[in-house]
């Protein structure tokens, strides 16, 4: 019973956002058979964020599958005072996403898929522009490509064998 309580506590710490829900139909002898595909983003609003894609014959089952996959694929987004540390362009196939840091009070200026990711990660001030293909899944993967390649000042200083003060000058 104790294990179940801890599991429920873990469930509540994540923010779940549905990015897209697609319905597909297959024509069979008896008529049309519907199936659903869901793309969700999950984050703890402290820098950890992940995405998942799930398919099922029922909407709620597809969403549940995608949330489970998103929780298994969490990555950490470096943040500095509610924004990102530097400009970066993430690419996936023909989608590109430009992310830029913004001063406090700006808010998240982004489209649907990118906004969901940044909200779930806990960023408060970021500018973004989606370039190229606007397919939601490709935009999400391009955004995650940018987040994965983002550099953190603390880790760079550690790799160079310096302190943060020496790095900033």
N, C-alpha and C. Protein backbone atom coordinates (compact mmCIF):
# COMPACT_ATOMS: atom_id res chain seq x y z
N UNK A 1 0.83 -1.20 0.00
CA UNK A 1 0.00 0.00 0.00
C UNK A 1 0.87 1.27 0.00
N UNK A 2 1.98 1.23 0.73
CA UNK A 2 2.88 2.38 0.80
C UNK A 2 3.45 2.72 -0.58
N UNK A 3 3.78 1.66 -1.35
CA UNK A 3 4.33 1.87 -2.69
C UNK A 3 3.33 2.61 -3.57
N UNK A 4 2.06 2.29 -3.44
CA UNK A 4 1.01 2.93 -4.23
C UNK A 4 0.93 4.43 -3.93
N UNK A 5 1.10 4.82 -2.67
CA UNK A 5 1.05 6.24 -2.30
C UNK A 5 2.20 7.01 -2.96
N UNK A 6 3.41 6.42 -2.94
CA UNK A 6 4.55 7.07 -3.58
C UNK A 6 4.31 7.22 -5.08
N UNK A 7 3.70 6.21 -5.69
CA UNK A 7 3.43 6.25 -7.12
C UNK A 7 2.46 7.38 -7.45
N UNK A 8 1.42 7.56 -6.62
CA UNK A 8 0.47 8.64 -6.83
C UNK A 8 1.12 10.01 -6.68
N UNK A 9 2.07 10.11 -5.73
CA UNK A 9 2.77 11.38 -5.54
C UNK A 9 3.61 11.72 -6.77
N UNK A 10 4.26 10.70 -7.38
CA UNK A 10 5.04 10.93 -8.59
C UNK A 10 4.15 11.39 -9.74
N UNK A 11 2.94 10.84 -9.80
CA UNK A 11 2.01 11.19 -10.88
C UNK A 11 1.63 12.67 -10.80
N UNK A 12 1.47 13.21 -9.59
CA UNK A 12 0.97 14.57 -9.42
C UNK A 12 2.03 15.63 -9.67
N UNK A 13 3.30 15.25 -9.64
CA UNK A 13 4.33 16.26 -9.82
C UNK A 13 4.51 16.65 -11.28
N UNK A 14 3.94 15.90 -12.21
CA UNK A 14 4.08 16.20 -13.63
C UNK A 14 2.88 16.95 -14.18
N UNK A 15 3.17 17.88 -15.11
CA UNK A 15 2.14 18.59 -15.85
C UNK A 15 2.02 17.89 -17.20
N UNK A 16 0.80 17.48 -17.56
CA UNK A 16 0.59 16.77 -18.81
C UNK A 16 -0.15 17.67 -19.78
N UNK A 17 0.38 17.79 -21.01
CA UNK A 17 -0.26 18.64 -22.02
C UNK A 17 -0.45 17.84 -23.30
N UNK A 18 -1.66 17.85 -23.81
CA UNK A 18 -1.98 17.17 -25.07
C UNK A 18 -1.66 18.13 -26.21
N UNK A 19 -0.74 17.74 -27.09
CA UNK A 19 -0.35 18.59 -28.22
C UNK A 19 -1.29 18.35 -29.40
N UNK A 20 -1.43 17.10 -29.82
CA UNK A 20 -2.34 16.77 -30.92
C UNK A 20 -3.05 15.46 -30.64
N UNK A 21 -4.22 15.34 -31.22
CA UNK A 21 -4.99 14.10 -31.18
C UNK A 21 -5.54 13.89 -32.59
N UNK A 22 -5.09 12.80 -33.23
CA UNK A 22 -5.52 12.53 -34.60
C UNK A 22 -6.43 11.31 -34.64
N UNK A 23 -7.43 11.37 -35.51
CA UNK A 23 -8.32 10.23 -35.72
C UNK A 23 -8.08 9.68 -37.11
N UNK A 24 -7.84 8.39 -37.20
CA UNK A 24 -7.69 7.75 -38.50
C UNK A 24 -8.75 6.68 -38.63
N UNK A 25 -9.17 6.40 -39.86
CA UNK A 25 -10.17 5.36 -40.06
C UNK A 25 -9.70 4.38 -41.12
N UNK A 26 -10.05 3.13 -40.90
CA UNK A 26 -9.72 2.06 -41.84
C UNK A 26 -11.05 1.45 -42.26
N UNK A 27 -11.27 1.36 -43.56
CA UNK A 27 -12.52 0.78 -44.04
C UNK A 27 -12.38 -0.74 -44.08
N UNK A 28 -13.26 -1.41 -43.38
CA UNK A 28 -13.28 -2.87 -43.35
C UNK A 28 -14.65 -3.34 -43.82
N UNK A 29 -14.85 -4.65 -43.86
CA UNK A 29 -16.09 -5.23 -44.38
C UNK A 29 -17.33 -4.68 -43.68
N UNK A 30 -17.27 -4.52 -42.38
CA UNK A 30 -18.44 -4.07 -41.62
C UNK A 30 -18.63 -2.57 -41.57
N UNK A 31 -17.72 -1.79 -42.11
CA UNK A 31 -17.82 -0.33 -42.05
C UNK A 31 -16.44 0.28 -41.82
N UNK A 32 -16.40 1.35 -41.02
CA UNK A 32 -15.11 2.01 -40.75
C UNK A 32 -14.65 1.69 -39.33
N UNK A 33 -13.38 1.41 -39.20
CA UNK A 33 -12.79 1.17 -37.89
C UNK A 33 -11.92 2.37 -37.53
N UNK A 34 -12.27 3.06 -36.45
CA UNK A 34 -11.54 4.27 -36.03
C UNK A 34 -10.39 3.91 -35.09
N UNK A 35 -9.29 4.64 -35.23
CA UNK A 35 -8.21 4.53 -34.26
C UNK A 35 -7.68 5.94 -34.00
N UNK A 36 -7.01 6.13 -32.88
CA UNK A 36 -6.58 7.46 -32.46
C UNK A 36 -5.09 7.48 -32.17
N UNK A 37 -4.46 8.61 -32.45
CA UNK A 37 -3.04 8.81 -32.16
C UNK A 37 -2.91 10.10 -31.36
N UNK A 38 -2.21 10.03 -30.23
CA UNK A 38 -2.06 11.20 -29.36
C UNK A 38 -0.59 11.55 -29.18
N UNK A 39 -0.29 12.83 -29.21
CA UNK A 39 1.05 13.34 -28.94
C UNK A 39 0.96 14.22 -27.70
N UNK A 40 1.68 13.84 -26.64
CA UNK A 40 1.61 14.59 -25.38
C UNK A 40 3.01 15.01 -24.91
N UNK A 41 3.01 16.04 -24.09
CA UNK A 41 4.23 16.53 -23.47
C UNK A 41 4.03 16.49 -21.96
N UNK A 42 5.06 16.03 -21.24
CA UNK A 42 5.00 15.91 -19.79
C UNK A 42 6.20 16.63 -19.21
N UNK A 43 5.98 17.41 -18.12
CA UNK A 43 7.09 18.11 -17.48
C UNK A 43 6.80 18.37 -16.02
N UNK A 44 7.88 18.61 -15.25
CA UNK A 44 7.70 18.89 -13.82
C UNK A 44 7.81 20.37 -13.50
N UNK A 45 7.93 21.22 -14.50
CA UNK A 45 8.06 22.68 -14.38
C UNK A 45 9.29 23.08 -13.57
N UNK A 46 10.28 22.18 -13.50
CA UNK A 46 11.56 22.49 -12.85
C UNK A 46 12.71 22.20 -13.80
N UNK A 47 12.41 22.05 -15.09
CA UNK A 47 13.45 21.81 -16.08
C UNK A 47 13.41 20.45 -16.74
N UNK A 48 12.68 19.49 -16.16
CA UNK A 48 12.59 18.16 -16.79
C UNK A 48 11.36 18.10 -17.67
N UNK A 49 11.53 17.62 -18.92
CA UNK A 49 10.43 17.56 -19.87
C UNK A 49 10.63 16.37 -20.82
N UNK A 50 9.51 15.81 -21.29
CA UNK A 50 9.57 14.69 -22.22
C UNK A 50 8.34 14.66 -23.09
N UNK A 51 8.42 13.94 -24.21
CA UNK A 51 7.26 13.81 -25.09
C UNK A 51 7.02 12.35 -25.42
N UNK A 52 5.77 12.03 -25.77
CA UNK A 52 5.43 10.66 -26.12
C UNK A 52 4.34 10.62 -27.17
N UNK A 53 4.33 9.56 -27.94
CA UNK A 53 3.36 9.36 -29.01
C UNK A 53 2.71 8.00 -28.80
N UNK A 54 1.37 7.96 -28.71
CA UNK A 54 0.67 6.71 -28.46
C UNK A 54 -0.50 6.51 -29.40
N UNK A 55 -0.71 5.26 -29.80
CA UNK A 55 -1.83 4.92 -30.68
C UNK A 55 -2.69 3.86 -30.04
N UNK A 56 -4.00 3.98 -30.21
CA UNK A 56 -4.93 2.97 -29.69
C UNK A 56 -6.29 3.14 -30.37
N UNK A 57 -7.19 2.19 -30.13
CA UNK A 57 -8.54 2.26 -30.70
C UNK A 57 -9.46 3.15 -29.88
N UNK A 58 -8.99 3.63 -28.73
CA UNK A 58 -9.77 4.47 -27.83
C UNK A 58 -8.97 5.73 -27.50
N UNK A 59 -9.63 6.87 -27.42
CA UNK A 59 -8.95 8.15 -27.17
C UNK A 59 -8.19 8.13 -25.84
N UNK A 60 -8.87 7.73 -24.77
CA UNK A 60 -8.23 7.78 -23.45
C UNK A 60 -7.05 6.82 -23.37
N UNK A 61 -7.14 5.68 -24.04
CA UNK A 61 -6.04 4.71 -24.04
C UNK A 61 -4.84 5.26 -24.81
N UNK A 62 -5.09 5.95 -25.94
CA UNK A 62 -4.01 6.56 -26.73
C UNK A 62 -3.30 7.64 -25.91
N UNK A 63 -4.07 8.46 -25.19
CA UNK A 63 -3.47 9.52 -24.37
C UNK A 63 -2.66 8.91 -23.24
N UNK A 64 -3.20 7.87 -22.60
CA UNK A 64 -2.50 7.20 -21.50
C UNK A 64 -1.18 6.61 -21.97
N UNK A 65 -1.18 5.96 -23.14
CA UNK A 65 0.05 5.37 -23.69
C UNK A 65 1.09 6.45 -23.98
N UNK A 66 0.64 7.57 -24.56
CA UNK A 66 1.59 8.63 -24.90
C UNK A 66 2.17 9.28 -23.65
N UNK A 67 1.38 9.42 -22.59
CA UNK A 67 1.89 10.00 -21.34
C UNK A 67 2.91 9.07 -20.70
N UNK A 68 2.64 7.75 -20.74
CA UNK A 68 3.60 6.78 -20.20
C UNK A 68 4.93 6.85 -20.95
N UNK A 69 4.87 6.95 -22.29
CA UNK A 69 6.10 7.06 -23.08
C UNK A 69 6.84 8.36 -22.79
N UNK A 70 6.08 9.44 -22.60
CA UNK A 70 6.70 10.74 -22.30
C UNK A 70 7.44 10.70 -20.97
N UNK A 71 6.88 10.02 -19.96
CA UNK A 71 7.54 9.93 -18.65
C UNK A 71 8.81 9.09 -18.70
N UNK A 72 8.89 8.18 -19.68
CA UNK A 72 10.10 7.36 -19.83
C UNK A 72 11.20 8.09 -20.58
N UNK A 73 10.85 9.16 -21.31
CA UNK A 73 11.83 9.86 -22.15
C UNK A 73 12.07 11.28 -21.67
N UNK A 74 12.27 11.47 -20.38
CA UNK A 74 12.49 12.82 -19.84
C UNK A 74 13.92 13.28 -20.06
N UNK A 75 14.08 14.57 -20.43
CA UNK A 75 15.39 15.18 -20.52
C UNK A 75 15.37 16.46 -19.68
N UNK A 76 16.56 16.95 -19.33
CA UNK A 76 16.66 18.16 -18.51
C UNK A 76 16.97 19.36 -19.40
N UNK A 77 16.19 20.42 -19.21
CA UNK A 77 16.39 21.64 -19.98
C UNK A 77 17.13 22.66 -19.13
N UNK A 78 18.33 23.12 -19.57
CA UNK A 78 19.04 24.13 -18.77
C UNK A 78 18.29 25.46 -18.79
N UNK A 79 18.12 26.06 -17.61
CA UNK A 79 17.44 27.34 -17.52
C UNK A 79 18.23 28.30 -16.65
N UNK A 80 18.07 29.58 -16.94
CA UNK A 80 18.75 30.63 -16.19
C UNK A 80 17.74 31.77 -15.98
N UNK A 81 17.27 31.95 -14.75
CA UNK A 81 16.29 32.98 -14.39
C UNK A 81 15.01 32.88 -15.22
N UNK A 82 14.50 31.68 -15.44
CA UNK A 82 13.25 31.48 -16.15
C UNK A 82 13.35 31.51 -17.66
N UNK A 83 14.55 31.68 -18.21
CA UNK A 83 14.73 31.67 -19.65
C UNK A 83 15.84 30.67 -20.01
N UNK A 84 16.13 30.54 -21.29
CA UNK A 84 17.18 29.61 -21.72
C UNK A 84 18.52 30.34 -21.76
N UNK A 85 19.64 29.61 -21.68
CA UNK A 85 20.94 30.29 -21.59
C UNK A 85 21.41 30.97 -22.88
N UNK A 86 21.00 30.48 -24.07
CA UNK A 86 21.51 31.07 -25.31
C UNK A 86 20.57 30.73 -26.48
N UNK A 87 20.78 31.41 -27.62
CA UNK A 87 20.01 31.13 -28.84
C UNK A 87 20.37 29.75 -29.36
N UNK A 88 19.42 29.07 -29.97
CA UNK A 88 19.71 27.77 -30.58
C UNK A 88 18.64 27.46 -31.61
N UNK A 89 19.04 26.74 -32.65
CA UNK A 89 18.10 26.27 -33.66
C UNK A 89 18.10 24.74 -33.61
N UNK A 90 16.93 24.16 -33.40
CA UNK A 90 16.78 22.71 -33.41
C UNK A 90 16.17 22.27 -34.72
N UNK A 91 16.66 21.15 -35.25
CA UNK A 91 16.17 20.67 -36.54
C UNK A 91 15.76 19.21 -36.44
N UNK A 92 14.67 18.89 -37.12
CA UNK A 92 14.26 17.50 -37.31
C UNK A 92 13.56 17.43 -38.65
N UNK A 93 14.12 16.64 -39.58
CA UNK A 93 13.63 16.54 -40.95
C UNK A 93 13.48 17.94 -41.53
N UNK A 94 12.28 18.35 -41.96
CA UNK A 94 12.16 19.67 -42.58
C UNK A 94 11.65 20.74 -41.61
N UNK A 95 11.53 20.40 -40.34
CA UNK A 95 11.11 21.39 -39.33
C UNK A 95 12.33 21.97 -38.63
N UNK A 96 12.30 23.26 -38.42
CA UNK A 96 13.32 23.94 -37.63
C UNK A 96 12.63 24.81 -36.60
N UNK A 97 13.20 24.86 -35.39
CA UNK A 97 12.65 25.70 -34.33
C UNK A 97 13.76 26.58 -33.78
N UNK A 98 13.55 27.88 -33.81
CA UNK A 98 14.50 28.85 -33.26
C UNK A 98 14.05 29.22 -31.86
N UNK A 99 14.93 29.05 -30.88
CA UNK A 99 14.63 29.44 -29.50
C UNK A 99 15.61 30.53 -29.08
N UNK A 100 15.08 31.60 -28.48
CA UNK A 100 15.92 32.72 -28.03
C UNK A 100 15.57 33.07 -26.59
N UNK A 101 16.58 33.42 -25.79
CA UNK A 101 16.28 33.89 -24.43
C UNK A 101 15.59 35.25 -24.47
N UNK A 102 14.78 35.53 -23.45
CA UNK A 102 14.08 36.80 -23.38
C UNK A 102 14.20 37.36 -21.96
N UNK A 103 14.08 38.69 -21.83
CA UNK A 103 14.16 39.31 -20.51
C UNK A 103 12.88 39.01 -19.72
N UNK A 104 12.97 39.12 -18.41
CA UNK A 104 11.83 38.76 -17.56
C UNK A 104 10.64 39.67 -17.85
N UNK A 105 9.45 39.08 -17.85
CA UNK A 105 8.23 39.81 -18.16
C UNK A 105 7.76 39.63 -19.59
N UNK A 106 8.59 39.03 -20.43
CA UNK A 106 8.23 38.84 -21.84
C UNK A 106 7.17 37.76 -21.99
N UNK A 107 7.31 36.68 -21.24
CA UNK A 107 6.40 35.55 -21.37
C UNK A 107 6.90 34.59 -22.43
N UNK A 108 6.12 33.55 -22.68
CA UNK A 108 6.49 32.58 -23.72
C UNK A 108 5.81 33.00 -25.01
N UNK A 109 6.62 33.39 -25.99
CA UNK A 109 6.09 33.75 -27.30
C UNK A 109 6.42 32.59 -28.22
N UNK A 110 5.43 31.71 -28.41
CA UNK A 110 5.64 30.49 -29.18
C UNK A 110 4.32 29.96 -29.68
N UNK A 111 4.39 29.09 -30.68
CA UNK A 111 3.21 28.42 -31.21
C UNK A 111 2.80 27.27 -30.31
N UNK A 112 1.76 26.54 -30.71
CA UNK A 112 1.15 25.51 -29.87
C UNK A 112 2.08 24.45 -29.34
N UNK A 113 2.80 23.75 -30.21
CA UNK A 113 3.64 22.63 -29.78
C UNK A 113 4.82 23.12 -28.94
N UNK A 114 5.49 24.18 -29.37
CA UNK A 114 6.65 24.70 -28.65
C UNK A 114 6.21 25.28 -27.30
N UNK A 115 5.07 25.97 -27.28
CA UNK A 115 4.55 26.55 -26.03
C UNK A 115 4.26 25.46 -25.00
N UNK A 116 3.68 24.34 -25.45
CA UNK A 116 3.38 23.24 -24.54
C UNK A 116 4.65 22.69 -23.90
N UNK A 117 5.70 22.56 -24.69
CA UNK A 117 6.98 22.04 -24.18
C UNK A 117 7.59 23.01 -23.17
N UNK A 118 7.63 24.29 -23.52
CA UNK A 118 8.25 25.29 -22.64
C UNK A 118 7.44 25.47 -21.35
N UNK A 119 6.11 25.41 -21.43
CA UNK A 119 5.26 25.48 -20.23
C UNK A 119 5.54 24.29 -19.32
N UNK A 120 5.59 23.10 -19.90
CA UNK A 120 5.81 21.89 -19.11
C UNK A 120 7.20 21.89 -18.47
N UNK A 121 8.18 22.49 -19.15
CA UNK A 121 9.53 22.54 -18.61
C UNK A 121 9.66 23.57 -17.49
N UNK A 122 8.78 24.58 -17.49
CA UNK A 122 8.83 25.59 -16.45
C UNK A 122 9.48 26.88 -16.88
N UNK A 123 9.78 27.04 -18.15
CA UNK A 123 10.35 28.30 -18.65
C UNK A 123 9.27 29.37 -18.61
N UNK A 124 9.66 30.61 -18.30
CA UNK A 124 8.68 31.69 -18.22
C UNK A 124 8.88 32.75 -19.29
N UNK A 125 10.10 32.92 -19.80
CA UNK A 125 10.39 33.97 -20.78
C UNK A 125 11.26 33.42 -21.90
N UNK A 126 10.64 33.11 -23.03
CA UNK A 126 11.38 32.58 -24.19
C UNK A 126 10.70 33.07 -25.46
N UNK A 127 11.52 33.43 -26.46
CA UNK A 127 11.02 33.77 -27.79
C UNK A 127 11.28 32.57 -28.69
N UNK A 128 10.34 32.25 -29.59
CA UNK A 128 10.58 31.15 -30.51
C UNK A 128 9.92 31.41 -31.85
N UNK A 129 10.46 30.75 -32.86
CA UNK A 129 9.87 30.82 -34.20
C UNK A 129 10.01 29.45 -34.82
N UNK A 130 8.90 28.92 -35.31
CA UNK A 130 8.91 27.64 -36.00
C UNK A 130 9.11 27.90 -37.48
N UNK A 131 10.13 27.27 -38.06
CA UNK A 131 10.46 27.47 -39.46
C UNK A 131 10.30 26.15 -40.20
N UNK A 132 9.91 26.21 -41.45
CA UNK A 132 9.76 24.99 -42.24
C UNK A 132 8.45 24.30 -41.96
N UNK A 133 8.47 22.97 -41.94
CA UNK A 133 7.27 22.17 -41.77
C UNK A 133 6.62 22.45 -40.42
N UNK A 134 5.27 22.51 -40.41
CA UNK A 134 4.56 22.81 -39.17
C UNK A 134 3.88 21.58 -38.59
N UNK A 135 4.24 20.39 -39.06
CA UNK A 135 3.68 19.16 -38.51
C UNK A 135 4.03 19.08 -37.02
N UNK A 136 3.03 18.88 -36.19
CA UNK A 136 3.22 18.97 -34.74
C UNK A 136 4.29 18.01 -34.23
N UNK A 137 4.30 16.78 -34.70
CA UNK A 137 5.29 15.81 -34.22
C UNK A 137 6.71 16.23 -34.60
N UNK A 138 6.90 16.73 -35.83
CA UNK A 138 8.23 17.17 -36.25
C UNK A 138 8.67 18.42 -35.51
N UNK A 139 7.74 19.34 -35.21
CA UNK A 139 8.07 20.55 -34.45
C UNK A 139 8.49 20.17 -33.03
N UNK A 140 7.79 19.21 -32.42
CA UNK A 140 8.14 18.75 -31.08
C UNK A 140 9.53 18.13 -31.08
N UNK A 141 9.81 17.29 -32.06
CA UNK A 141 11.14 16.65 -32.13
C UNK A 141 12.24 17.67 -32.40
N UNK A 142 11.96 18.69 -33.21
CA UNK A 142 12.94 19.75 -33.47
C UNK A 142 13.21 20.55 -32.20
N UNK A 143 12.16 20.83 -31.42
CA UNK A 143 12.32 21.55 -30.15
C UNK A 143 13.15 20.73 -29.18
N UNK A 144 12.89 19.43 -29.10
CA UNK A 144 13.67 18.58 -28.21
C UNK A 144 15.11 18.46 -28.68
N UNK A 145 15.33 18.50 -29.99
CA UNK A 145 16.70 18.52 -30.53
C UNK A 145 17.44 19.76 -30.05
N UNK A 146 16.75 20.91 -30.04
CA UNK A 146 17.36 22.15 -29.56
C UNK A 146 17.66 22.07 -28.07
N UNK A 147 16.71 21.53 -27.29
CA UNK A 147 16.90 21.43 -25.83
C UNK A 147 18.06 20.50 -25.49
N UNK A 148 18.17 19.38 -26.22
CA UNK A 148 19.26 18.42 -25.96
C UNK A 148 20.63 19.03 -26.23
N UNK A 149 20.71 19.89 -27.26
CA UNK A 149 22.00 20.47 -27.63
C UNK A 149 22.34 21.75 -26.86
N UNK A 150 21.40 22.23 -26.03
CA UNK A 150 21.62 23.45 -25.26
C UNK A 150 22.73 23.24 -24.23
N UNK A 151 23.57 24.25 -24.05
CA UNK A 151 24.70 24.15 -23.13
C UNK A 151 24.39 24.82 -21.81
N UNK A 152 24.90 24.25 -20.73
CA UNK A 152 24.70 24.76 -19.39
C UNK A 152 26.03 25.34 -18.91
N UNK A 153 26.02 26.56 -18.39
CA UNK A 153 27.26 27.25 -17.97
C UNK A 153 28.01 26.45 -16.91
N UNK A 154 27.29 25.85 -15.98
CA UNK A 154 27.95 25.09 -14.92
C UNK A 154 28.71 23.89 -15.44
N UNK A 155 28.11 23.16 -16.37
CA UNK A 155 28.79 21.96 -16.91
C UNK A 155 29.97 22.34 -17.80
N UNK A 156 29.88 23.45 -18.53
CA UNK A 156 30.99 23.90 -19.37
C UNK A 156 32.17 24.31 -18.50
N UNK A 157 31.90 25.05 -17.42
CA UNK A 157 32.97 25.46 -16.50
C UNK A 157 33.64 24.24 -15.88
N UNK A 158 32.85 23.25 -15.51
CA UNK A 158 33.39 22.04 -14.91
C UNK A 158 34.27 21.29 -15.90
N UNK A 159 33.84 21.18 -17.17
CA UNK A 159 34.62 20.50 -18.20
C UNK A 159 35.95 21.20 -18.47
N UNK A 160 35.95 22.52 -18.37
CA UNK A 160 37.17 23.29 -18.62
C UNK A 160 38.04 23.39 -17.37
N UNK A 161 37.54 22.94 -16.25
CA UNK A 161 38.32 23.00 -15.01
C UNK A 161 38.37 24.39 -14.42
N UNK A 162 37.32 25.17 -14.59
CA UNK A 162 37.27 26.54 -14.07
C UNK A 162 36.03 26.71 -13.21
N UNK A 163 35.98 27.82 -12.49
CA UNK A 163 34.78 28.16 -11.73
C UNK A 163 33.88 29.01 -12.62
N UNK A 164 32.62 29.19 -12.20
CA UNK A 164 31.70 30.02 -12.98
C UNK A 164 32.17 31.47 -13.07
N UNK A 165 32.78 31.97 -12.00
CA UNK A 165 33.28 33.36 -11.99
C UNK A 165 34.38 33.54 -13.03
N UNK A 166 35.28 32.55 -13.14
CA UNK A 166 36.35 32.63 -14.14
C UNK A 166 35.79 32.56 -15.55
N UNK A 167 34.72 31.78 -15.73
CA UNK A 167 34.12 31.62 -17.04
C UNK A 167 33.44 32.91 -17.50
N UNK A 168 32.73 33.57 -16.61
CA UNK A 168 32.02 34.80 -16.98
C UNK A 168 32.94 36.01 -17.03
N UNK A 169 34.08 35.95 -16.37
CA UNK A 169 35.06 37.03 -16.45
C UNK A 169 34.87 38.11 -15.50
